[in-house]
Amino acid sequence: MTQSPDASADAVVGKAKAKHAASFVVDPIARALLKAHISPDAVTIFGTLGAVVAALWCYPTGHLVAGTIIVSVFALSDMLDGSMARQSGRQSAWGAFLDSLLDRITDAAIFAGLTIWFLGSGNEPILGYAALYCLAAGQVISYARARAEGLGLQASGGIAERTERLVVVMVATGFSGLGVPFIQAIGLWVLVIATTITVIQRMVMVRRQVVDGQ
């Protein structure tokens, strides 16, 4: 269930390249916000509020494309606040904690909005339960890492980290809103499987560290 070293290395390199490419767009915006005396924490909070409101209003009312676009735009704040903190030299434990906490709220709102839609007007109860499962599994993945680190262990990685989960659900939901509903079903079931595997991967990772340390 664990990833091979080569696969993990490739994933890290891929993410690093993506962040480097995004920095060409994000960094100038971050500098402009800093010049306007806007703090990284303010951007974090504003982005979270916008994403949560969009997810809990657009998705339950069936505005899947609009919801996906708006949530994606507000999700950019997750890159903006980090860039602002680095450029201003204001990186802190509090900022890292706040960012991580609000990320969990945003994730929950996205899957909660989809759950409400599918169990209600969307008339797809099975997909509603799948979305609800993804919501819970995503929180468990995050908790596993936090709890392990609290015990002095490591529980990061896995095939479905936050970025992967958001990309899959956003793309699938957007296509569903454009009239390709089977993409949404495929995306959610892929996430059900991938999040389950990721939880198991982190359990195995912690177990091995405990056994090796005995």
Protein backbone atom coordinates (compact mmCIF):
# COMPACT_ATOMS: atom_id res chain seq x y z
CA MET A 1 0.00 0.00 0.00
CA THR A 2 3.01 2.31 0.33
CA GLN A 3 4.39 4.31 -2.57
CA SER A 4 7.74 3.37 -4.07
CA PRO A 5 10.63 5.81 -3.50
CA ASP A 6 10.73 6.64 -7.21
CA ALA A 7 7.00 7.39 -7.31
CA SER A 8 7.24 9.59 -4.23
CA ALA A 9 10.24 11.45 -5.67
CA ASP A 10 8.45 12.01 -8.99
CA ALA A 11 5.41 13.37 -7.16
CA VAL A 12 7.54 15.79 -5.16
CA VAL A 13 9.35 17.00 -8.29
CA GLY A 14 6.05 17.42 -10.12
CA LYS A 15 4.56 19.50 -7.33
CA ALA A 16 7.71 21.62 -7.09
CA LYS A 17 7.57 22.38 -10.83
CA ALA A 18 3.88 23.28 -10.60
CA LYS A 19 4.50 25.64 -7.69
CA HIS A 20 7.40 27.26 -9.53
CA ALA A 21 5.22 27.86 -12.59
CA ALA A 22 2.38 29.25 -10.47
CA SER A 23 4.75 31.63 -8.68
CA PHE A 24 5.11 33.73 -11.84
CA VAL A 25 1.42 34.64 -11.53
CA VAL A 26 1.01 34.54 -7.75
CA ASP A 27 4.11 36.43 -6.60
CA PRO A 28 3.32 39.76 -8.35
CA ILE A 29 -0.22 39.70 -6.93
CA ALA A 30 1.16 38.93 -3.48
CA ARG A 31 3.55 41.90 -3.72
CA ALA A 32 0.68 44.20 -4.71
CA LEU A 33 -1.41 43.05 -1.74
CA LEU A 34 1.50 43.61 0.63
CA LYS A 35 1.97 47.13 -0.73
CA ALA A 36 -1.73 47.71 0.00
CA HIS A 37 -0.99 46.74 3.63
CA ILE A 38 -3.10 43.58 3.47
CA SER A 39 -1.84 40.81 5.74
CA PRO A 40 -1.40 37.14 4.77
CA ASP A 41 -3.86 36.14 7.51
CA ALA A 42 -6.51 38.46 6.06
CA VAL A 43 -6.09 36.83 2.65
CA THR A 44 -6.35 33.36 4.23
CA ILE A 45 -9.57 34.22 6.05
CA PHE A 46 -11.13 36.05 3.09
CA GLY A 47 -10.32 33.20 0.72
CA THR A 48 -11.81 30.63 3.07
CA LEU A 49 -15.01 32.61 3.59
CA GLY A 50 -15.43 33.08 -0.15
CA ALA A 51 -14.84 29.41 -0.95
CA VAL A 52 -17.16 28.22 1.82
CA VAL A 53 -20.01 30.54 0.83
CA ALA A 54 -19.65 29.61 -2.84
CA ALA A 55 -19.53 25.86 -2.13
CA LEU A 56 -22.50 25.90 0.24
CA TRP A 57 -24.63 28.09 -2.00
CA CYS A 58 -23.70 27.22 -5.58
CA TYR A 59 -23.43 23.45 -5.25
CA PRO A 60 -26.68 22.77 -3.33
CA THR A 61 -28.57 24.96 -5.82
CA GLY A 62 -27.13 23.14 -8.83
CA HIS A 63 -24.78 25.89 -10.06
CA LEU A 64 -21.94 23.42 -10.47
CA VAL A 65 -19.87 25.30 -13.05
CA ALA A 66 -20.21 28.68 -11.34
CA GLY A 67 -19.46 27.09 -7.98
CA THR A 68 -16.36 25.39 -9.31
CA ILE A 69 -15.02 28.57 -10.89
CA ILE A 70 -15.67 30.70 -7.80
CA VAL A 71 -14.28 28.13 -5.37
CA SER A 72 -11.18 27.69 -7.56
CA VAL A 73 -10.57 31.45 -7.65
CA PHE A 74 -10.86 31.75 -3.88
CA ALA A 75 -8.66 28.68 -3.48
CA LEU A 76 -5.84 30.73 -5.02
CA SER A 77 -5.64 32.51 -1.67
CA ASP A 78 -3.93 29.37 -0.38
CA MET A 79 -0.98 30.17 -2.65
CA LEU A 80 -1.23 33.93 -2.20
CA ASP A 81 -0.99 33.93 1.57
CA GLY A 82 2.06 31.66 1.47
CA SER A 83 3.80 33.88 -1.07
CA MET A 84 2.93 36.99 0.96
CA ALA A 85 4.31 35.43 4.14
CA ARG A 86 7.57 34.48 2.42
CA GLN A 87 8.07 37.85 0.76
CA SER A 88 7.32 39.80 3.94
CA GLY A 89 9.31 37.50 6.21
CA ARG A 90 6.19 36.93 8.31
CA GLN A 91 6.07 33.15 8.25
CA SER A 92 4.98 31.92 11.65
CA ALA A 93 3.62 28.92 13.51
CA TRP A 94 0.32 30.77 13.91
CA GLY A 95 0.04 31.40 10.17
CA ALA A 96 0.77 27.75 9.40
CA PHE A 97 -1.81 26.62 11.95
CA LEU A 98 -4.48 29.02 10.68
CA ASP A 99 -3.86 28.04 7.06
CA SER A 100 -4.11 24.33 7.82
CA LEU A 101 -7.23 24.76 9.95
CA LEU A 102 -9.08 26.83 7.36
CA ASP A 103 -8.05 24.42 4.59
CA ARG A 104 -9.97 21.71 6.43
CA ILE A 105 -13.04 23.94 6.61
CA THR A 106 -12.87 24.70 2.88
CA ASP A 107 -12.53 21.01 2.01
CA ALA A 108 -15.49 20.11 4.21
CA ALA A 109 -17.65 22.83 2.64
CA ILE A 110 -16.92 21.61 -0.89
CA PHE A 111 -17.93 18.02 -0.20
CA ALA A 112 -20.82 19.09 2.05
CA GLY A 113 -22.21 21.24 -0.75
CA LEU A 114 -22.02 18.32 -3.18
CA THR A 115 -23.58 15.98 -0.63
CA ILE A 116 -26.55 18.32 -0.17
CA TRP A 117 -26.99 18.62 -3.94
CA PHE A 118 -26.87 14.90 -4.67
CA LEU A 119 -29.13 13.95 -1.75
CA GLY A 120 -31.59 16.69 -2.70
CA SER A 121 -32.31 18.25 -6.07
CA GLY A 122 -29.52 16.33 -7.79
CA ASN A 123 -31.44 13.13 -7.07
CA GLU A 124 -28.30 10.96 -6.92
CA PRO A 125 -28.29 9.60 -3.35
CA ILE A 126 -25.48 7.11 -4.00
CA LEU A 127 -23.20 9.92 -5.18
CA GLY A 128 -24.33 11.92 -2.17
CA TYR A 129 -23.10 9.18 0.14
CA ALA A 130 -19.86 8.96 -1.87
CA ALA A 131 -19.30 12.71 -1.43
CA LEU A 132 -20.04 12.39 2.29
CA TYR A 133 -17.52 9.55 2.55
CA CYS A 134 -14.89 11.68 0.80
CA LEU A 135 -15.59 14.51 3.25
CA ALA A 136 -15.02 12.22 6.24
CA ALA A 137 -12.02 10.43 4.71
CA GLY A 138 -10.33 13.72 3.88
CA GLN A 139 -10.62 14.83 7.49
CA VAL A 140 -9.27 11.47 8.70
CA ILE A 141 -6.26 11.81 6.37
CA SER A 142 -5.46 15.20 7.86
CA TYR A 143 -6.05 14.00 11.42
CA ALA A 144 -3.76 11.01 10.90
CA ARG A 145 -0.89 13.33 10.02
CA ALA A 146 -1.59 15.74 12.89
CA ARG A 147 -1.93 12.95 15.45
CA ALA A 148 1.22 11.21 14.25
CA GLU A 149 3.22 14.43 14.43
CA GLY A 150 1.86 14.98 17.94
CA LEU A 151 3.41 11.63 18.85
CA GLY A 152 6.72 12.53 17.24
CA LEU A 153 6.08 10.41 14.15
CA GLN A 154 5.53 11.11 10.46
CA ALA A 155 2.38 10.35 8.46
CA SER A 156 2.56 12.42 5.29
CA GLY A 157 2.21 11.44 1.66
CA GLY A 158 -0.15 8.96 0.09
CA ILE A 159 -1.85 8.81 -3.29
CA ALA A 160 -4.60 11.32 -2.43
CA GLU A 161 -3.23 14.33 -0.59
CA ARG A 162 -5.21 17.56 -0.43
CA THR A 163 -4.09 18.93 -3.80
CA GLU A 164 -4.98 15.73 -5.63
CA ARG A 165 -8.38 15.53 -3.94
CA LEU A 166 -9.27 19.11 -4.82
CA VAL A 167 -8.14 18.81 -8.44
CA VAL A 168 -10.20 15.65 -8.97
CA VAL A 169 -13.38 16.95 -7.32
CA MET A 170 -13.16 20.39 -8.98
CA VAL A 171 -12.56 19.03 -12.48
CA ALA A 172 -15.23 16.34 -12.11
CA THR A 173 -17.81 18.80 -10.76
CA GLY A 174 -17.07 21.32 -13.48
CA PHE A 175 -17.56 18.73 -16.23
CA SER A 176 -20.76 17.54 -14.56
CA GLY A 177 -22.12 21.07 -14.69
CA LEU A 178 -21.25 21.22 -18.39
CA GLY A 179 -23.48 18.24 -19.09
CA VAL A 180 -21.08 15.33 -18.61
CA PRO A 181 -22.45 13.86 -15.36
CA PHE A 182 -20.66 10.51 -15.59
CA ILE A 183 -17.36 12.34 -15.02
CA GLN A 184 -18.63 13.37 -11.59
CA ALA A 185 -19.48 9.78 -10.71
CA ILE A 186 -16.08 8.54 -11.88
CA GLY A 187 -14.29 11.31 -9.98
CA LEU A 188 -16.11 10.66 -6.70
CA TRP A 189 -15.61 6.89 -6.82
CA VAL A 190 -11.94 7.37 -7.66
CA LEU A 191 -11.69 9.59 -4.59
CA VAL A 192 -13.52 7.06 -2.42
CA ILE A 193 -10.93 4.45 -3.34
CA ALA A 194 -7.93 6.79 -3.28
CA THR A 195 -8.77 8.36 0.10
CA THR A 196 -9.29 4.94 1.63
CA ILE A 197 -5.91 3.80 0.34
CA THR A 198 -4.29 6.99 1.65
CA VAL A 199 -5.69 6.42 5.15
CA ILE A 200 -4.30 2.88 5.08
CA GLN A 201 -0.94 4.12 3.75
CA ARG A 202 -0.61 6.52 6.66
CA MET A 203 -1.61 3.87 9.17
CA VAL A 204 1.04 1.53 7.77
CA MET A 205 3.63 4.33 7.82
CA VAL A 206 3.01 5.05 11.50
CA ARG A 207 2.89 1.36 12.41
CA ARG A 208 6.29 0.76 10.78
CA GLN A 209 7.85 3.67 12.65
CA VAL A 210 6.47 2.39 15.95
CA VAL A 211 7.70 -1.17 15.30
CA ASP A 212 11.12 0.02 14.11
CA GLY A 213 11.46 2.16 17.21
CA GLN A 214 10.76 -0.69 19.63
